[in-house]
Protein backbone atom coordinates (compact mmCIF):
# COMPACT_ATOMS: atom_id res chain seq x y z
CA UNK A 1 67.28 -16.63 27.20
CA UNK A 2 64.29 -17.59 29.30
CA UNK A 3 64.14 -16.12 32.79
CA UNK A 4 65.00 -18.13 35.88
CA UNK A 5 62.41 -18.41 38.62
CA UNK A 6 63.69 -17.17 41.97
CA UNK A 7 61.53 -18.63 44.73
CA UNK A 8 61.50 -16.53 47.90
CA UNK A 9 60.34 -18.28 51.06
CA UNK A 10 58.64 -16.75 54.08
CA UNK A 11 61.14 -15.28 56.51
CA UNK A 12 59.34 -17.27 59.22
CA UNK A 13 60.09 -20.56 57.49
CA UNK A 14 62.85 -21.81 55.21
CA UNK A 15 63.77 -22.87 51.67
CA UNK A 16 62.36 -26.38 52.13
CA UNK A 17 58.90 -24.84 51.64
CA UNK A 18 59.81 -24.29 47.97
CA UNK A 19 61.95 -27.43 47.47
CA UNK A 20 59.29 -29.66 45.84
CA UNK A 21 58.27 -26.93 43.39
CA UNK A 22 61.89 -26.13 42.56
CA UNK A 23 62.56 -29.81 41.84
CA UNK A 24 59.59 -30.01 39.49
CA UNK A 25 60.57 -26.83 37.71
CA UNK A 26 64.06 -28.17 37.08
CA UNK A 27 62.64 -31.48 35.87
CA UNK A 28 60.71 -29.47 33.29
CA UNK A 29 63.89 -27.67 32.18
CA UNK A 30 63.00 -24.43 33.93
CA UNK A 31 65.81 -22.72 35.84
CA UNK A 32 64.88 -22.37 39.52
CA UNK A 33 66.78 -20.81 42.41
CA UNK A 34 65.74 -20.92 46.08
CA UNK A 35 67.82 -18.45 48.11
CA UNK A 36 68.07 -19.26 51.81
CA UNK A 37 66.92 -16.27 53.83
CA UNK A 38 66.81 -18.08 57.17
CA UNK A 39 69.84 -16.42 58.77
CA UNK A 40 69.31 -12.94 57.34
CA UNK A 41 66.71 -11.89 59.88
CA UNK A 42 67.48 -14.52 62.50
CA UNK A 43 70.99 -13.22 63.23
CA UNK A 44 70.97 -9.75 61.65
CA UNK A 45 70.11 -6.27 62.85
CA UNK A 46 67.39 -3.95 61.59
CA UNK A 47 66.81 -2.91 58.92
CA UNK A 48 66.70 -6.45 57.59
CA UNK A 49 65.69 -5.86 53.99
CA UNK A 50 69.21 -5.01 52.71
CA UNK A 51 70.38 -8.43 53.89
CA UNK A 52 67.48 -10.14 52.12
CA UNK A 53 68.25 -8.28 48.90
CA UNK A 54 71.94 -9.17 49.18
CA UNK A 55 71.16 -12.85 49.78
CA UNK A 56 68.99 -12.95 46.67
CA UNK A 57 71.66 -11.19 44.61
CA UNK A 58 74.32 -13.64 45.79
CA UNK A 59 72.07 -16.58 45.01
CA UNK A 60 71.27 -15.53 41.44
CA UNK A 61 74.95 -14.85 40.72
CA UNK A 62 75.23 -18.57 39.94
CA UNK A 63 73.00 -18.10 36.90
CA UNK A 64 74.43 -17.49 33.43
CA UNK A 65 75.46 -13.90 32.75
CA UNK A 66 72.58 -11.85 31.49
CA UNK A 67 69.87 -14.35 32.37
CA UNK A 68 66.84 -12.41 33.59
CA UNK A 69 64.77 -13.53 36.56
CA UNK A 70 61.20 -13.69 37.80
CA UNK A 71 60.70 -13.22 41.54
CA UNK A 72 58.18 -15.64 43.05
CA UNK A 73 57.46 -14.66 46.66
CA UNK A 74 55.46 -16.63 49.23
CA UNK A 75 53.77 -15.22 52.34
CA UNK A 76 55.61 -12.35 54.05
CA UNK A 77 58.41 -12.47 51.47
CA UNK A 78 56.05 -10.45 49.31
CA UNK A 79 56.94 -7.35 51.31
CA UNK A 80 60.63 -7.46 50.33
CA UNK A 81 60.02 -7.78 46.57
CA UNK A 82 60.23 -4.02 45.83
CA UNK A 83 63.60 -3.83 47.61
CA UNK A 84 64.93 -6.91 45.82
CA UNK A 85 64.03 -5.73 42.30
CA UNK A 86 66.67 -2.97 42.03
CA UNK A 87 69.27 -4.96 44.00
CA UNK A 88 69.08 -8.24 42.09
CA UNK A 89 71.96 -7.39 39.81
CA UNK A 90 70.15 -8.54 36.68
CA UNK A 91 66.88 -7.80 34.88
CA UNK A 92 63.71 -8.70 36.80
CA UNK A 93 61.07 -9.36 34.13
CA UNK A 94 58.18 -10.17 36.47
CA UNK A 95 57.03 -10.55 40.07
CA UNK A 96 54.61 -13.23 41.22
CA UNK A 97 53.09 -13.15 44.71
CA UNK A 98 51.99 -16.58 46.00
CA UNK A 99 49.51 -16.43 48.89
CA UNK A 100 51.60 -13.45 49.89
CA UNK A 101 51.40 -10.10 51.61
CA UNK A 102 51.51 -7.15 49.23
CA UNK A 103 53.71 -4.08 49.48
CA UNK A 104 52.00 -0.73 49.69
CA UNK A 105 51.23 1.05 46.45
CA UNK A 106 53.79 3.57 47.64
CA UNK A 107 56.14 3.05 50.52
CA UNK A 108 57.07 2.45 53.12
CA UNK A 109 55.29 -0.79 53.99
CA UNK A 110 54.97 -1.82 57.67
CA UNK A 111 56.10 -5.38 58.34
CA UNK A 112 52.98 -5.96 60.44
CA UNK A 113 49.65 -4.31 61.11
CA UNK A 114 49.23 -2.62 64.51
CA UNK A 115 46.99 -5.49 65.64
CA UNK A 116 49.46 -8.17 64.59
CA UNK A 117 52.36 -6.27 66.12
CA UNK A 118 50.53 -6.03 69.44
CA UNK A 119 50.03 -9.80 69.41
CA UNK A 120 53.67 -10.47 68.53
CA UNK A 121 54.86 -8.24 71.35
CA UNK A 122 52.71 -10.25 73.75
CA UNK A 123 54.33 -13.58 72.78
CA UNK A 124 57.95 -12.45 72.36
CA UNK A 125 60.50 -13.52 74.96
CA UNK A 126 63.84 -11.75 75.31
CA UNK A 127 63.12 -9.91 72.07
CA UNK A 128 62.49 -13.03 69.98
CA UNK A 129 59.35 -14.64 68.65
CA UNK A 130 58.44 -18.30 69.03
CA UNK A 131 58.68 -20.45 65.90
CA UNK A 132 55.81 -19.86 63.50
CA UNK A 133 54.27 -23.34 63.83
CA UNK A 134 53.72 -22.71 67.55
CA UNK A 135 51.54 -19.67 66.84
CA UNK A 136 48.62 -21.93 65.88
CA UNK A 137 46.75 -24.94 67.21
CA UNK A 138 48.40 -28.26 66.36
CA UNK A 139 45.52 -29.41 64.18
CA UNK A 140 45.63 -26.20 62.17
CA UNK A 141 49.35 -26.59 61.48
CA UNK A 142 49.01 -30.28 60.59
CA UNK A 143 46.31 -29.47 58.06
CA UNK A 144 48.75 -27.27 56.12
CA UNK A 145 51.30 -30.04 55.58
CA UNK A 146 51.12 -33.31 53.66
CA UNK A 147 52.75 -35.67 56.18
CA UNK A 148 54.74 -35.83 59.44
CA UNK A 149 58.08 -36.03 57.62
CA UNK A 150 57.43 -32.74 55.83
CA UNK A 151 56.25 -31.22 59.11
CA UNK A 152 59.55 -32.23 60.71
CA UNK A 153 61.59 -30.72 57.87
CA UNK A 154 59.66 -27.45 57.95
CA UNK A 155 59.91 -27.21 61.74
CA UNK A 156 63.67 -27.87 61.71
CA UNK A 157 64.32 -24.86 59.44
CA UNK A 158 62.14 -22.22 60.98
CA UNK A 159 63.98 -19.53 62.92
CA UNK A 160 62.96 -17.50 65.93
CA UNK A 161 62.80 -14.06 64.40
CA UNK A 162 63.61 -11.00 66.49
CA UNK A 163 60.57 -8.89 67.29
CA UNK A 164 62.42 -6.00 65.64
CA UNK A 165 61.86 -7.70 62.28
CA UNK A 166 58.17 -6.87 62.60
CA UNK A 167 58.83 -3.38 63.88
CA UNK A 168 60.56 -2.34 60.65
CA UNK A 169 59.22 -0.85 57.45
CA UNK A 170 60.13 -1.96 53.94
CA UNK A 171 60.96 0.55 51.20
CA UNK A 172 58.88 0.65 48.04
CA UNK A 173 61.09 2.24 45.36
CA UNK A 174 59.26 3.96 42.54
CA UNK A 175 59.12 1.83 39.41
CA UNK A 176 59.61 -1.55 41.05
CA UNK A 177 56.35 -2.75 39.45
CA UNK A 178 57.15 -1.43 35.96
CA UNK A 179 57.02 -5.04 34.79
CA UNK A 180 54.34 -7.74 34.75
CA UNK A 181 53.10 -8.70 38.21
CA UNK A 182 50.63 -11.36 39.26
CA UNK A 183 49.05 -13.11 42.22
CA UNK A 184 48.54 -16.82 42.86
CA UNK A 185 45.99 -17.39 45.61
CA UNK A 186 45.63 -20.50 47.75
CA UNK A 187 42.83 -19.26 50.01
CA UNK A 188 41.66 -17.00 52.87
CA UNK A 189 42.75 -14.69 54.36
CA UNK A 190 44.87 -13.89 51.30
CA UNK A 191 41.79 -13.54 49.12
CA UNK A 192 41.88 -9.87 50.18
CA UNK A 193 45.35 -9.58 48.69
CA UNK A 194 44.18 -11.26 45.50
CA UNK A 195 41.39 -8.72 45.18
CA UNK A 196 43.82 -5.87 45.76
CA UNK A 197 46.01 -7.33 43.02
CA UNK A 198 43.06 -7.20 40.63
CA UNK A 199 42.57 -3.51 41.40
CA UNK A 200 46.23 -2.98 40.51
CA UNK A 201 45.58 -4.56 37.12
CA UNK A 202 47.61 -7.68 37.81
CA UNK A 203 46.76 -11.17 36.60
CA UNK A 204 45.26 -13.34 39.37
CA UNK A 205 44.92 -17.12 39.48
CA UNK A 206 43.96 -19.63 42.18
CA UNK A 207 44.96 -23.11 43.25
CA UNK A 208 42.63 -23.78 46.21
CA UNK A 209 44.39 -25.00 49.32
CA UNK A 210 46.02 -24.05 52.60
CA UNK A 211 48.80 -21.51 53.08
CA UNK A 212 51.56 -24.08 52.42
CA UNK A 213 49.83 -25.66 49.44
CA UNK A 214 53.08 -25.69 47.46
CA UNK A 215 54.10 -28.56 49.78
CA UNK A 216 50.77 -30.36 49.53
CA UNK A 217 50.28 -30.23 45.74
CA UNK A 218 53.55 -29.06 44.17
CA UNK A 219 52.51 -30.34 40.75
CA UNK A 220 49.46 -28.07 40.55
CA UNK A 221 51.34 -25.10 41.98
CA UNK A 222 54.26 -25.60 39.58
CA UNK A 223 51.94 -25.84 36.61
CA UNK A 224 50.15 -22.63 37.54
CA UNK A 225 53.40 -20.75 38.14
CA UNK A 226 54.64 -21.77 34.70
CA UNK A 227 51.35 -20.78 33.08
CA UNK A 228 51.42 -17.32 34.61
CA UNK A 229 55.11 -16.59 34.07
CA UNK A 230 55.21 -17.94 30.51
CA UNK A 231 53.47 -14.74 29.44
CA UNK A 232 56.40 -12.77 30.81
CA UNK A 233 59.22 -14.85 29.43
CA UNK A 234 58.83 -13.59 25.87
CA UNK A 235 60.09 -10.20 27.02
CA UNK A 236 63.45 -11.81 27.74
CA UNK A 237 63.84 -14.03 24.65
């Protein structure tokens, strides 16, 4: 049985960021699941990673018994991958990071660097952060999205995360990466993460674009995801 692709969205955004890719995967007869993680951090209490892992486990429970999965994590969802692997409830045969933050080689992994955390504390109000699209200039945000309709859909889903989300640390259980891992780069500043992935011996590929390129060119992103993960699927046949 070929593995299903479990697409994890940034905790700052929502599942619509993976919707076009998921639709193309299904059209190509590839099983795709997009767990919604929007409310896990938005309404929960720290630590938040157990809720993320539980949401993923609940989401993949709809798959056929015994079907393995590949985790495909975008942006800051990369940090929760090590915690999700042992909690998924089924075999995880690979982990693909898409323009994503990387967990530490050994844990725990801070949710934010000291510099980023200082900035977030400066913009938080009543313990909550503004929506992600307001962190940047309007032109910069518009350049990441294909059209105003998509911008509206993305904006409607994004939560106001509690500052405490970024004050937590994520566990990195030993052995989480005892399976194929890879990195799909869109562009800076995540080129540093791509280089780190190379030093870990992972496969690295690139589809040049902005941070939300899966919304801009879902066909190219889907094709590259399938190319990378096809090498891992044979382990589950």
